[in-house]
Amino acid sequence: MITRRKILGLAPLMVAPLIARASSYPSMPINLVTPLATGDAADRAARLMGMELSKGLGIPVTITNRPGAGGSLGTQSVIRAANDGYTLLYAQNSALTIRRVIDPQNANYDPLTDLLPLALTTRSPSVLVVHKDAPFKTIEEMVSHAKQSLNGLRVGNAGPGSVGEISVLLMKEATGASFESINYKGAAPAVTDLLGRHIDAVILALGAVSSFIEEGTLRALTISSPLHAFRNVPTLRQLGYKADLLGVWFGFFMPVGVPKNIVESFLPALESAARNPSVAAQLLPAGIVQEWGSGQALSEEISKEYRAISNLLGPASKKTVK
């Protein structure tokens, strides 16, 4: 018969292998999962930081792209992974806040309880741009024009559930003006229609339109967060409105339950990779900027943004947030 005394006697033996693994960490390759397509700017960020992580930890860091279902597939694969510190997730807010609101059946997870937020590392501001010949030169003039227009203004975005689509709704609520969100299959067709004057504006990640802004073809009217390179482009809050555009942020996660000493061993290498000046220089042309935030800061960002989007889209879309 197995008595309580015997079970208690076995407990140290059960814990010992985990402690041994933690003390020797890392001793084998780490798999960095990103729910993004190969070749886009965010994928490049993951690969650049993965290379720096490999140097800092002294072991290979392999990249696994698991796109699909708005990032839910890749996210769930990490949730199901072993909590031994050898599987990482590099994901953006579309999978961790937006998708959970608009598609709760597929994104049926909570990143604050099903994952361990490690750090916020990068951002890609969203920007509203108009054609250089648009009749409005500032966001205030655009809002006034929209209020006076019989049918409002048409604002393109990269697709359903994108930060651009959510941002159009935020603008409508913040300004009281009439804006119609036009969904495209990606940023490129939205920009093409704006250049052809078929729509009035687009809201996209900065990297998708920065070259057009620099050459003067498109004009930026407002940005989701201040950026030195675009310091003359204000945020909506800087102009007195009650909400900003929604930008894109990226963070690192591990499966929940990874031992504390493994996390503590890993974080210095992650911070060094995320703050690396060479990485920053290679990402900035793509509209991605470094921004280091702790795991707690990342958790707070997730909670705040999830609540805001839930409130924006209505009670039917709300789920419990820890």
C-alpha atoms as a PDB file:
ATOM      1  CA  MET A   1       0.000   0.000   0.000  1.00  0.00           C
ATOM      2  CA  ILE A   2       1.239   3.496  -0.883  1.00  0.00           C
ATOM      3  CA  THR A   3       0.836   5.594   2.228  1.00  0.00           C
ATOM      4  CA  ARG A   4       0.848   9.375   2.583  1.00  0.00           C
ATOM      5  CA  ARG A   5       4.312   9.069   4.189  1.00  0.00           C
ATOM      6  CA  LYS A   6       5.628   7.246   1.106  1.00  0.00           C
ATOM      7  CA  ILE A   7       4.111   9.831  -1.255  1.00  0.00           C
ATOM      8  CA  LEU A   8       5.756  12.631   0.712  1.00  0.00           C
ATOM      9  CA  GLY A   9       9.008  10.718   0.609  1.00  0.00           C
ATOM     10  CA  LEU A  10       8.815  10.459  -3.182  1.00  0.00           C
ATOM     11  CA  ALA A  11       8.110  14.182  -3.684  1.00  0.00           C
ATOM     12  CA  PRO A  12      11.778  15.313  -3.578  1.00  0.00           C
ATOM     13  CA  LEU A  13      12.646  12.624  -6.126  1.00  0.00           C
ATOM     14  CA  MET A  14       9.911  13.914  -8.481  1.00  0.00           C
ATOM     15  CA  VAL A  15      11.112  17.508  -8.191  1.00  0.00           C
ATOM     16  CA  ALA A  16      14.808  16.680  -8.554  1.00  0.00           C
ATOM     17  CA  PRO A  17      14.836  16.162 -12.357  1.00  0.00           C
ATOM     18  CA  LEU A  18      13.149  19.550 -12.890  1.00  0.00           C
ATOM     19  CA  ILE A  19      15.691  21.276 -10.664  1.00  0.00           C
ATOM     20  CA  ALA A  20      18.522  19.540 -12.507  1.00  0.00           C
ATOM     21  CA  ARG A  21      17.174  20.687 -15.881  1.00  0.00           C
ATOM     22  CA  ALA A  22      16.781  24.227 -14.616  1.00  0.00           C
ATOM     23  CA  SER A  23      20.301  24.398 -13.225  1.00  0.00           C
ATOM     24  CA  SER A  24      21.835  23.325 -16.543  1.00  0.00           C
ATOM     25  CA  TYR A  25      19.682  25.598 -18.700  1.00  0.00           C
ATOM     26  CA  PRO A  26      20.132  26.071 -21.580  1.00  0.00           C
ATOM     27  CA  SER A  27      21.604  22.797 -22.768  1.00  0.00           C
ATOM     28  CA  MET A  28      19.835  22.259 -26.113  1.00  0.00           C
ATOM     29  CA  PRO A  29      18.362  24.365 -28.954  1.00  0.00           C
ATOM     30  CA  ILE A  30      15.462  26.707 -28.257  1.00  0.00           C
ATOM     31  CA  ASN A  31      12.484  26.833 -30.619  1.00  0.00           C
ATOM     32  CA  LEU A  32      11.179  30.359 -31.222  1.00  0.00           C
ATOM     33  CA  VAL A  33       7.641  30.179 -32.604  1.00  0.00           C
ATOM     34  CA  THR A  34       6.139  33.162 -34.396  1.00  0.00           C
ATOM     35  CA  PRO A  35       2.541  33.098 -35.706  1.00  0.00           C
ATOM     36  CA  LEU A  36       3.605  35.231 -38.679  1.00  0.00           C
ATOM     37  CA  ALA A  37       4.345  34.524 -42.315  1.00  0.00           C
ATOM     38  CA  THR A  38       7.931  34.073 -43.439  1.00  0.00           C
ATOM     39  CA  GLY A  39       9.469  37.184 -44.953  1.00  0.00           C
ATOM     40  CA  ASP A  40       7.442  40.018 -43.441  1.00  0.00           C
ATOM     41  CA  ALA A  41       8.993  42.712 -41.267  1.00  0.00           C
ATOM     42  CA  ALA A  42       7.916  41.133 -37.980  1.00  0.00           C
ATOM     43  CA  ASP A  43       9.356  37.783 -39.062  1.00  0.00           C
ATOM     44  CA  ARG A  44      12.640  39.573 -39.738  1.00  0.00           C
ATOM     45  CA  ALA A  45      12.530  41.041 -36.226  1.00  0.00           C
ATOM     46  CA  ALA A  46      12.055  37.570 -34.763  1.00  0.00           C
ATOM     47  CA  ARG A  47      15.007  36.221 -36.756  1.00  0.00           C
ATOM     48  CA  LEU A  48      17.327  39.095 -35.858  1.00  0.00           C
ATOM     49  CA  MET A  49      16.558  38.771 -32.151  1.00  0.00           C
ATOM     50  CA  GLY A  50      16.786  34.994 -32.424  1.00  0.00           C
ATOM     51  CA  MET A  51      20.327  35.341 -33.768  1.00  0.00           C
ATOM     52  CA  GLU A  52      21.277  37.614 -30.865  1.00  0.00           C
ATOM     53  CA  LEU A  53      19.658  35.249 -28.375  1.00  0.00           C
ATOM     54  CA  SER A  54      21.698  32.393 -29.813  1.00  0.00           C
ATOM     55  CA  LYS A  55      24.893  34.385 -29.291  1.00  0.00           C
ATOM     56  CA  GLY A  56      23.943  35.384 -25.748  1.00  0.00           C
ATOM     57  CA  LEU A  57      22.847  31.918 -24.627  1.00  0.00           C
ATOM     58  CA  GLY A  58      25.468  29.989 -26.517  1.00  0.00           C
ATOM     59  CA  ILE A  59      22.973  27.577 -28.102  1.00  0.00           C
ATOM     60  CA  PRO A  60      21.047  27.527 -31.407  1.00  0.00           C
ATOM     61  CA  VAL A  61      17.700  29.346 -31.573  1.00  0.00           C
ATOM     62  CA  THR A  62      15.559  28.035 -34.412  1.00  0.00           C
ATOM     63  CA  ILE A  63      12.590  29.946 -35.872  1.00  0.00           C
ATOM     64  CA  THR A  64       9.290  28.190 -36.543  1.00  0.00           C
ATOM     65  CA  ASN A  65       6.653  30.130 -38.496  1.00  0.00           C
ATOM     66  CA  ARG A  66       3.101  29.047 -37.608  1.00  0.00           C
ATOM     67  CA  PRO A  67       0.740  31.540 -39.284  1.00  0.00           C
ATOM     68  CA  GLY A  68      -3.013  31.009 -39.481  1.00  0.00           C
ATOM     69  CA  ALA A  69      -6.275  32.011 -37.791  1.00  0.00           C
ATOM     70  CA  GLY A  70      -4.990  35.488 -37.060  1.00  0.00           C
ATOM     71  CA  GLY A  71      -2.060  34.159 -35.043  1.00  0.00           C
ATOM     72  CA  SER A  72      -4.127  31.743 -32.950  1.00  0.00           C
ATOM     73  CA  LEU A  73      -2.521  28.582 -34.348  1.00  0.00           C
ATOM     74  CA  GLY A  74       1.025  29.554 -33.458  1.00  0.00           C
ATOM     75  CA  THR A  75      -0.023  30.887 -30.073  1.00  0.00           C
ATOM     76  CA  GLN A  76      -1.854  27.701 -29.138  1.00  0.00           C
ATOM     77  CA  SER A  77       1.099  25.544 -30.192  1.00  0.00           C
ATOM     78  CA  VAL A  78       3.239  27.295 -27.572  1.00  0.00           C
ATOM     79  CA  ILE A  79       0.511  27.034 -24.929  1.00  0.00           C
ATOM     80  CA  ARG A  80       0.578  23.247 -25.467  1.00  0.00           C
ATOM     81  CA  ALA A  81       4.396  23.002 -25.442  1.00  0.00           C
ATOM     82  CA  ALA A  82       6.469  21.658 -22.573  1.00  0.00           C
ATOM     83  CA  ASN A  83       7.167  24.223 -19.855  1.00  0.00           C
ATOM     84  CA  ASP A  84      10.912  23.574 -19.820  1.00  0.00           C
ATOM     85  CA  GLY A  85      12.097  26.907 -21.270  1.00  0.00           C
ATOM     86  CA  TYR A  86      12.924  25.522 -24.711  1.00  0.00           C
ATOM     87  CA  THR A  87       9.863  26.903 -26.519  1.00  0.00           C
ATOM     88  CA  LEU A  88       9.299  30.645 -26.972  1.00  0.00           C
ATOM     89  CA  LEU A  89       6.547  32.694 -28.580  1.00  0.00           C
ATOM     90  CA  TYR A  90       7.140  35.996 -30.354  1.00  0.00           C
ATOM     91  CA  ALA A  91       3.673  37.386 -31.082  1.00  0.00           C
ATOM     92  CA  GLN A  92       1.851  40.626 -31.711  1.00  0.00           C
ATOM     93  CA  ASN A  93      -1.338  42.058 -30.283  1.00  0.00           C
ATOM     94  CA  SER A  94      -3.555  40.822 -33.132  1.00  0.00           C
ATOM     95  CA  ALA A  95      -3.305  37.281 -31.728  1.00  0.00           C
ATOM     96  CA  LEU A  96      -3.307  38.220 -28.042  1.00  0.00           C
ATOM     97  CA  THR A  97      -5.993  40.912 -27.819  1.00  0.00           C
ATOM     98  CA  ILE A  98      -7.879  41.569 -31.077  1.00  0.00           C
ATOM     99  CA  ARG A  99      -8.397  37.971 -32.191  1.00  0.00           C
ATOM    100  CA  ARG A 100      -9.663  36.948 -28.742  1.00  0.00           C
ATOM    101  CA  VAL A 101     -12.435  39.548 -29.032  1.00  0.00           C
ATOM    102  CA  ILE A 102     -13.533  38.987 -32.635  1.00  0.00           C
ATOM    103  CA  ASP A 103     -12.939  35.228 -32.845  1.00  0.00           C
ATOM    104  CA  PRO A 104     -13.236  33.786 -29.315  1.00  0.00           C
ATOM    105  CA  GLN A 105     -14.022  30.266 -30.538  1.00  0.00           C
ATOM    106  CA  ASN A 106     -10.613  29.855 -32.172  1.00  0.00           C
ATOM    107  CA  ALA A 107      -8.665  32.193 -29.871  1.00  0.00           C
ATOM    108  CA  ASN A 108     -10.023  30.531 -26.736  1.00  0.00           C
ATOM    109  CA  TYR A 109      -7.043  31.303 -24.516  1.00  0.00           C
ATOM    110  CA  ASP A 110      -5.897  33.937 -22.059  1.00  0.00           C
ATOM    111  CA  PRO A 111      -2.254  35.047 -22.552  1.00  0.00           C
ATOM    112  CA  LEU A 112      -2.064  36.117 -18.918  1.00  0.00           C
ATOM    113  CA  THR A 113      -2.896  32.668 -17.525  1.00  0.00           C
ATOM    114  CA  ASP A 114      -2.108  30.264 -20.390  1.00  0.00           C
ATOM    115  CA  LEU A 115       1.237  31.908 -21.195  1.00  0.00           C
ATOM    116  CA  LEU A 116       4.030  33.570 -19.234  1.00  0.00           C
ATOM    117  CA  PRO A 117       4.604  37.143 -20.530  1.00  0.00           C
ATOM    118  CA  LEU A 118       8.363  37.783 -20.539  1.00  0.00           C
ATOM    119  CA  ALA A 119       8.814  41.215 -22.110  1.00  0.00           C
ATOM    120  CA  LEU A 120       7.521  43.717 -24.621  1.00  0.00           C
ATOM    121  CA  THR A 121      10.319  44.257 -27.142  1.00  0.00           C
ATOM    122  CA  THR A 122       9.188  46.104 -30.259  1.00  0.00           C
ATOM    123  CA  ARG A 123       6.440  48.294 -31.697  1.00  0.00           C
ATOM    124  CA  SER A 124       5.258  49.226 -35.157  1.00  0.00           C
ATOM    125  CA  PRO A 125       3.192  52.419 -34.957  1.00  0.00           C
ATOM    126  CA  SER A 126       0.068  52.690 -37.051  1.00  0.00           C
ATOM    127  CA  VAL A 127      -0.324  55.814 -39.155  1.00  0.00           C
ATOM    128  CA  LEU A 128      -3.222  57.414 -40.996  1.00  0.00           C
ATOM    129  CA  VAL A 129      -2.142  58.704 -44.395  1.00  0.00           C
ATOM    130  CA  VAL A 130      -3.960  60.518 -47.181  1.00  0.00           C
ATOM    131  CA  HIS A 131      -3.079  61.331 -50.773  1.00  0.00           C
ATOM    132  CA  LYS A 132      -0.775  64.338 -51.182  1.00  0.00           C
ATOM    133  CA  ASP A 133      -3.582  66.124 -53.061  1.00  0.00           C
ATOM    134  CA  ALA A 134      -6.282  65.397 -50.473  1.00  0.00           C
ATOM    135  CA  PRO A 135      -8.419  68.452 -49.617  1.00  0.00           C
ATOM    136  CA  PHE A 136      -7.454  68.208 -45.923  1.00  0.00           C
ATOM    137  CA  LYS A 137      -3.934  68.873 -44.607  1.00  0.00           C
ATOM    138  CA  THR A 138      -4.445  68.013 -40.919  1.00  0.00           C
ATOM    139  CA  ILE A 139      -6.457  65.476 -38.942  1.00  0.00           C
ATOM    140  CA  GLU A 140      -8.666  68.306 -37.643  1.00  0.00           C
ATOM    141  CA  GLU A 141      -9.494  69.305 -41.208  1.00  0.00           C
ATOM    142  CA  MET A 142     -10.165  65.661 -42.086  1.00  0.00           C
ATOM    143  CA  VAL A 143     -12.567  65.272 -39.154  1.00  0.00           C
ATOM    144  CA  SER A 144     -14.369  68.472 -40.157  1.00  0.00           C
ATOM    145  CA  HIS A 145     -14.600  67.266 -43.755  1.00  0.00           C
ATOM    146  CA  ALA A 146     -16.010  63.901 -42.615  1.00  0.00           C
ATOM    147  CA  LYS A 147     -18.679  65.594 -40.487  1.00  0.00           C
ATOM    148  CA  GLN A 148     -19.764  67.757 -43.396  1.00  0.00           C
ATOM    149  CA  SER A 149     -19.694  64.955 -45.978  1.00  0.00           C
ATOM    150  CA  LEU A 150     -23.034  63.284 -46.740  1.00  0.00           C
ATOM    151  CA  ASN A 151     -21.563  59.769 -46.698  1.00  0.00           C
ATOM    152  CA  GLY A 152     -18.489  60.360 -44.542  1.00  0.00           C
ATOM    153  CA  LEU A 153     -14.978  59.272 -45.568  1.00  0.00           C
ATOM    154  CA  ARG A 154     -13.714  55.860 -46.670  1.00  0.00           C
ATOM    155  CA  VAL A 155     -10.638  54.627 -44.762  1.00  0.00           C
ATOM    156  CA  GLY A 156      -8.839  51.489 -45.926  1.00  0.00           C
ATOM    157  CA  ASN A 157      -7.053  48.909 -43.767  1.00  0.00           C
ATOM    158  CA  ALA A 158      -5.128  45.659 -44.182  1.00  0.00           C
ATOM    159  CA  GLY A 159      -8.094  43.402 -43.451  1.00  0.00           C
ATOM    160  CA  PRO A 160     -10.677  42.239 -40.919  1.00  0.00           C
ATOM    161  CA  GLY A 161      -9.314  42.276 -37.383  1.00  0.00           C
ATOM    162  CA  SER A 162      -6.316  44.421 -38.307  1.00  0.00           C
ATOM    163  CA  VAL A 163      -5.192  47.335 -36.166  1.00  0.00           C
ATOM    164  CA  GLY A 164      -6.366  49.594 -38.998  1.00  0.00           C
ATOM    165  CA  GLU A 165      -9.924  48.314 -38.840  1.00  0.00           C
ATOM    166  CA  ILE A 166     -10.026  48.731 -35.050  1.00  0.00           C
ATOM    167  CA  SER A 167      -8.449  52.190 -35.400  1.00  0.00           C
ATOM    168  CA  VAL A 168     -11.232  53.383 -37.713  1.00  0.00           C
ATOM    169  CA  LEU A 169     -13.748  52.464 -35.006  1.00  0.00           C
ATOM    170  CA  LEU A 170     -11.627  54.234 -32.382  1.00  0.00           C
ATOM    171  CA  MET A 171     -11.504  57.356 -34.564  1.00  0.00           C
ATOM    172  CA  LYS A 172     -15.265  57.350 -35.051  1.00  0.00           C
ATOM    173  CA  GLU A 173     -15.829  57.130 -31.314  1.00  0.00           C
ATOM    174  CA  ALA A 174     -13.164  59.709 -30.442  1.00  0.00           C
ATOM    175  CA  THR A 175     -14.112  62.328 -33.028  1.00  0.00           C
ATOM    176  CA  GLY A 176     -17.827  61.809 -33.619  1.00  0.00           C
ATOM    177  CA  ALA A 177     -17.173  61.919 -37.369  1.00  0.00           C
ATOM    178  CA  SER A 178     -18.374  59.442 -39.991  1.00  0.00           C
ATOM    179  CA  PHE A 179     -15.629  57.077 -41.211  1.00  0.00           C
ATOM    180  CA  GLU A 180     -16.308  53.895 -43.165  1.00  0.00           C
ATOM    181  CA  SER A 181     -13.790  51.079 -42.731  1.00  0.00           C
ATOM    182  CA  ILE A 182     -12.808  49.431 -46.018  1.00  0.00           C
ATOM    183  CA  ASN A 183     -11.180  46.018 -45.570  1.00  0.00           C
ATOM    184  CA  TYR A 184      -8.499  44.842 -48.011  1.00  0.00           C
ATOM    185  CA  LYS A 185      -6.505  41.631 -48.275  1.00  0.00           C
ATOM    186  CA  GLY A 186      -3.269  43.169 -47.076  1.00  0.00           C
ATOM    187  CA  ALA A 187      -1.635  46.586 -47.026  1.00  0.00           C
ATOM    188  CA  ALA A 188      -0.535  46.731 -50.674  1.00  0.00           C
ATOM    189  CA  PRO A 189      -3.999  46.808 -52.289  1.00  0.00           C
ATOM    190  CA  ALA A 190      -5.148  49.413 -49.760  1.00  0.00           C
ATOM    191  CA  VAL A 191      -2.227  51.677 -50.683  1.00  0.00           C
ATOM    192  CA  THR A 192      -2.890  51.098 -54.389  1.00  0.00           C
ATOM    193  CA  ASP A 193      -6.497  52.250 -54.034  1.00  0.00           C
ATOM    194  CA  LEU A 194      -5.424  55.301 -52.033  1.00  0.00           C
ATOM    195  CA  LEU A 195      -2.901  56.264 -54.690  1.00  0.00           C
ATOM    196  CA  GLY A 196      -5.673  55.885 -57.250  1.00  0.00           C
ATOM    197  CA  ARG A 197      -7.947  58.142 -55.171  1.00  0.00           C
ATOM    198  CA  HIS A 198     -10.569  55.408 -54.784  1.00  0.00           C
ATOM    199  CA  ILE A 199     -10.593  55.851 -50.995  1.00  0.00           C
ATOM    200  CA  ASP A 200      -9.893  58.845 -48.767  1.00  0.00           C
ATOM    201  CA  ALA A 201      -7.247  57.463 -46.403  1.00  0.00           C
ATOM    202  CA  VAL A 202      -5.643  54.305 -45.051  1.00  0.00           C
ATOM    203  CA  ILE A 203      -4.558  53.270 -41.565  1.00  0.00           C
ATOM    204  CA  LEU A 204      -1.652  50.835 -41.760  1.00  0.00           C
ATOM    205  CA  ALA A 205       1.532  49.884 -39.928  1.00  0.00           C
ATOM    206  CA  LEU A 206       4.161  52.530 -40.565  1.00  0.00           C
ATOM    207  CA  GLY A 207       6.451  50.196 -42.495  1.00  0.00           C
ATOM    208  CA  ALA A 208       3.811  49.727 -45.197  1.00  0.00           C
ATOM    209  CA  VAL A 209       3.656  53.435 -46.054  1.00  0.00           C
ATOM    210  CA  SER A 210       6.883  55.030 -44.801  1.00  0.00           C
ATOM    211  CA  SER A 211       8.515  55.124 -48.240  1.00  0.00           C
ATOM    212  CA  PHE A 212       5.469  56.875 -49.722  1.00  0.00           C
ATOM    213  CA  ILE A 213       5.529  59.427 -46.904  1.00  0.00           C
ATOM    214  CA  GLU A 214       9.240  60.090 -47.403  1.00  0.00           C
ATOM    215  CA  GLU A 215       8.855  60.627 -51.153  1.00  0.00           C
ATOM    216  CA  GLY A 216       5.854  62.919 -50.633  1.00  0.00           C
ATOM    217  CA  THR A 217       3.264  60.785 -52.422  1.00  0.00           C
ATOM    218  CA  LEU A 218       1.255  60.304 -49.233  1.00  0.00           C
ATOM    219  CA  ARG A 219       0.838  62.617 -46.247  1.00  0.00           C
ATOM    220  CA  ALA A 220       0.712  61.360 -42.638  1.00  0.00           C
ATOM    221  CA  LEU A 221      -1.925  63.057 -40.479  1.00  0.00           C
ATOM    222  CA  THR A 222      -1.800  61.104 -37.216  1.00  0.00           C
ATOM    223  CA  ILE A 223       0.242  58.282 -35.668  1.00  0.00           C
ATOM    224  CA  SER A 224      -0.573  55.800 -32.901  1.00  0.00           C
ATOM    225  CA  SER A 225       2.430  56.704 -30.715  1.00  0.00           C
ATOM    226  CA  PRO A 226       5.089  59.441 -30.860  1.00  0.00           C
ATOM    227  CA  LEU A 227       8.097  58.644 -33.018  1.00  0.00           C
ATOM    228  CA  HIS A 228      11.168  60.854 -33.348  1.00  0.00           C
ATOM    229  CA  ALA A 229      11.518  60.227 -37.081  1.00  0.00           C
ATOM    230  CA  PHE A 230       7.934  61.479 -37.502  1.00  0.00           C
ATOM    231  CA  ARG A 231       7.935  64.048 -34.717  1.00  0.00           C
ATOM    232  CA  ASN A 232       5.782  66.453 -36.752  1.00  0.00           C
ATOM    233  CA  VAL A 233       2.985  63.881 -36.972  1.00  0.00           C
ATOM    234  CA  PRO A 234       0.780  64.131 -33.839  1.00  0.00           C
ATOM    235  CA  THR A 235      -1.173  61.451 -32.020  1.00  0.00           C
ATOM    236  CA  LEU A 236      -4.900  61.949 -31.583  1.00  0.00           C
ATOM    237  CA  ARG A 237      -4.482  62.419 -27.823  1.00  0.00           C
ATOM    238  CA  GLN A 238      -1.904  65.143 -28.426  1.00  0.00           C
ATOM    239  CA  LEU A 239      -4.615  66.960 -30.356  1.00  0.00           C
ATOM    240  CA  GLY A 240      -7.125  66.601 -27.528  1.00  0.00           C
ATOM    241  CA  TYR A 241      -9.092  63.552 -28.645  1.00  0.00           C
ATOM    242  CA  LYS A 242      -9.887  60.808 -26.127  1.00  0.00           C
ATOM    243  CA  ALA A 243      -8.213  57.868 -27.914  1.00  0.00           C
ATOM    244  CA  ASP A 244      -5.281  57.144 -30.210  1.00  0.00           C
ATOM    245  CA  LEU A 245      -4.991  54.855 -33.189  1.00  0.00           C
ATOM    246  CA  LEU A 246      -4.166  51.273 -32.271  1.00  0.00           C
ATOM    247  CA  GLY A 247      -0.564  50.374 -33.024  1.00  0.00           C
ATOM    248  CA  VAL A 248       1.162  47.004 -33.296  1.00  0.00           C
ATOM    249  CA  TRP A 249       3.305  45.720 -30.451  1.00  0.00           C
ATOM    250  CA  PHE A 250       5.330  42.516 -30.133  1.00  0.00           C
ATOM    251  CA  GLY A 251       6.273  40.527 -27.064  1.00  0.00           C
ATOM    252  CA  PHE A 252       8.004  37.333 -25.957  1.00  0.00           C
ATOM    253  CA  PHE A 253       6.255  34.568 -24.004  1.00  0.00           C
ATOM    254  CA  MET A 254       6.945  31.105 -22.606  1.00  0.00           C
ATOM    255  CA  PRO A 255       4.430  28.390 -21.682  1.00  0.00           C
ATOM    256  CA  VAL A 256       3.031  28.915 -18.217  1.00  0.00           C
ATOM    257  CA  GLY A 257       4.812  26.953 -15.478  1.00  0.00           C
ATOM    258  CA  VAL A 258       8.414  27.415 -16.625  1.00  0.00           C
ATOM    259  CA  PRO A 259      10.591  27.348 -13.458  1.00  0.00           C
ATOM    260  CA  LYS A 260      11.511  30.751 -12.104  1.00  0.00           C
ATOM    261  CA  ASN A 261      15.268  30.157 -12.250  1.00  0.00           C
ATOM    262  CA  ILE A 262      15.034  29.279 -15.963  1.00  0.00           C
ATOM    263  CA  VAL A 263      13.162  32.515 -16.621  1.00  0.00           C
ATOM    264  CA  GLU A 264      15.745  34.459 -14.631  1.00  0.00           C
ATOM    265  CA  SER A 265      18.545  32.832 -16.632  1.00  0.00           C
ATOM    266  CA  PHE A 266      16.858  33.658 -19.933  1.00  0.00           C
ATOM    267  CA  LEU A 267      15.755  37.281 -19.401  1.00  0.00           C
ATOM    268  CA  PRO A 268      19.212  38.974 -19.504  1.00  0.00           C
ATOM    269  CA  ALA A 269      19.903  37.419 -22.911  1.00  0.00           C
ATOM    270  CA  LEU A 270      16.476  38.514 -24.154  1.00  0.00           C
ATOM    271  CA  GLU A 271      16.964  42.082 -22.962  1.00  0.00           C
ATOM    272  CA  SER A 272      20.403  42.245 -24.576  1.00  0.00           C
ATOM    273  CA  ALA A 273      18.982  40.982 -27.889  1.00  0.00           C
ATOM    274  CA  ALA A 274      15.986  43.313 -27.780  1.00  0.00           C
ATOM    275  CA  ARG A 275      18.115  46.380 -27.020  1.00  0.00           C
ATOM    276  CA  ASN A 276      20.857  45.571 -29.545  1.00  0.00           C
ATOM    277  CA  PRO A 277      21.653  48.717 -31.607  1.00  0.00           C
ATOM    278  CA  SER A 278      22.410  46.683 -34.726  1.00  0.00           C
ATOM    279  CA  VAL A 279      18.966  45.063 -34.534  1.00  0.00           C
ATOM    280  CA  ALA A 280      17.371  48.477 -34.096  1.00  0.00           C
ATOM    281  CA  ALA A 281      19.146  49.890 -37.150  1.00  0.00           C
ATOM    282  CA  GLN A 282      17.949  46.995 -39.313  1.00  0.00           C
ATOM    283  CA  LEU A 283      14.345  47.190 -38.117  1.00  0.00           C
ATOM    284  CA  LEU A 284      13.756  50.937 -38.252  1.00  0.00           C
ATOM    285  CA  PRO A 285      13.470  51.128 -42.073  1.00  0.00           C
ATOM    286  CA  ALA A 286      10.613  48.616 -41.791  1.00  0.00           C
ATOM    287  CA  GLY A 287       8.798  50.851 -39.286  1.00  0.00           C
ATOM    288  CA  ILE A 288       9.595  48.662 -36.264  1.00  0.00           C
ATOM    289  CA  VAL A 289      11.134  50.350 -33.221  1.00  0.00           C
ATOM    290  CA  GLN A 290      12.688  48.881 -30.100  1.00  0.00           C
ATOM    291  CA  GLU A 291      10.848  49.339 -26.812  1.00  0.00           C
ATOM    292  CA  TRP A 292      11.772  47.255 -23.792  1.00  0.00           C
ATOM    293  CA  GLY A 293       9.070  46.605 -21.227  1.00  0.00           C
ATOM    294  CA  SER A 294       9.001  44.082 -18.390  1.00  0.00           C
ATOM    295  CA  GLY A 295       6.709  41.080 -18.239  1.00  0.00           C
ATOM    296  CA  GLN A 296       4.482  43.062 -15.890  1.00  0.00           C
ATOM    297  CA  ALA A 297       4.343  45.965 -18.347  1.00  0.00           C
ATOM    298  CA  LEU A 298       3.425  43.540 -21.138  1.00  0.00           C
ATOM    299  CA  SER A 299       0.668  42.025 -18.985  1.00  0.00           C
ATOM    300  CA  GLU A 300      -0.745  45.465 -18.266  1.00  0.00           C
ATOM    301  CA  GLU A 301      -0.652  46.349 -21.973  1.00  0.00           C
ATOM    302  CA  ILE A 302      -2.594  43.190 -22.819  1.00  0.00           C
ATOM    303  CA  SER A 303      -5.248  43.794 -20.150  1.00  0.00           C
ATOM    304  CA  LYS A 304      -5.718  47.463 -21.027  1.00  0.00           C
ATOM    305  CA  GLU A 305      -5.939  46.886 -24.775  1.00  0.00           C
ATOM    306  CA  TYR A 306      -8.219  43.864 -24.477  1.00  0.00           C
ATOM    307  CA  ARG A 307     -10.686  45.786 -22.333  1.00  0.00           C
ATOM    308  CA  ALA A 308     -10.628  48.769 -24.697  1.00  0.00           C
ATOM    309  CA  ILE A 309     -11.338  46.605 -27.752  1.00  0.00           C
ATOM    310  CA  SER A 310     -14.035  44.621 -25.928  1.00  0.00           C
ATOM    311  CA  ASN A 311     -15.770  47.839 -24.881  1.00  0.00           C
ATOM    312  CA  LEU A 312     -15.460  49.240 -28.399  1.00  0.00           C
ATOM    313  CA  LEU A 313     -16.978  46.215 -30.114  1.00  0.00           C
ATOM    314  CA  GLY A 314     -19.799  45.773 -27.616  1.00  0.00           C
ATOM    315  CA  PRO A 315     -20.934  43.494 -24.767  1.00  0.00           C
ATOM    316  CA  ALA A 316     -21.477  40.486 -27.024  1.00  0.00           C
ATOM    317  CA  SER A 317     -17.762  40.202 -27.648  1.00  0.00           C
ATOM    318  CA  LYS A 318     -16.575  40.478 -24.053  1.00  0.00           C
ATOM    319  CA  LYS A 319     -14.722  37.749 -22.209  1.00  0.00           C
ATOM    320  CA  THR A 320     -13.264  37.687 -18.731  1.00  0.00           C
ATOM    321  CA  VAL A 321      -9.831  39.240 -18.411  1.00  0.00           C
ATOM    322  CA  LYS A 322      -7.737  38.478 -15.340  1.00  0.00           C
END
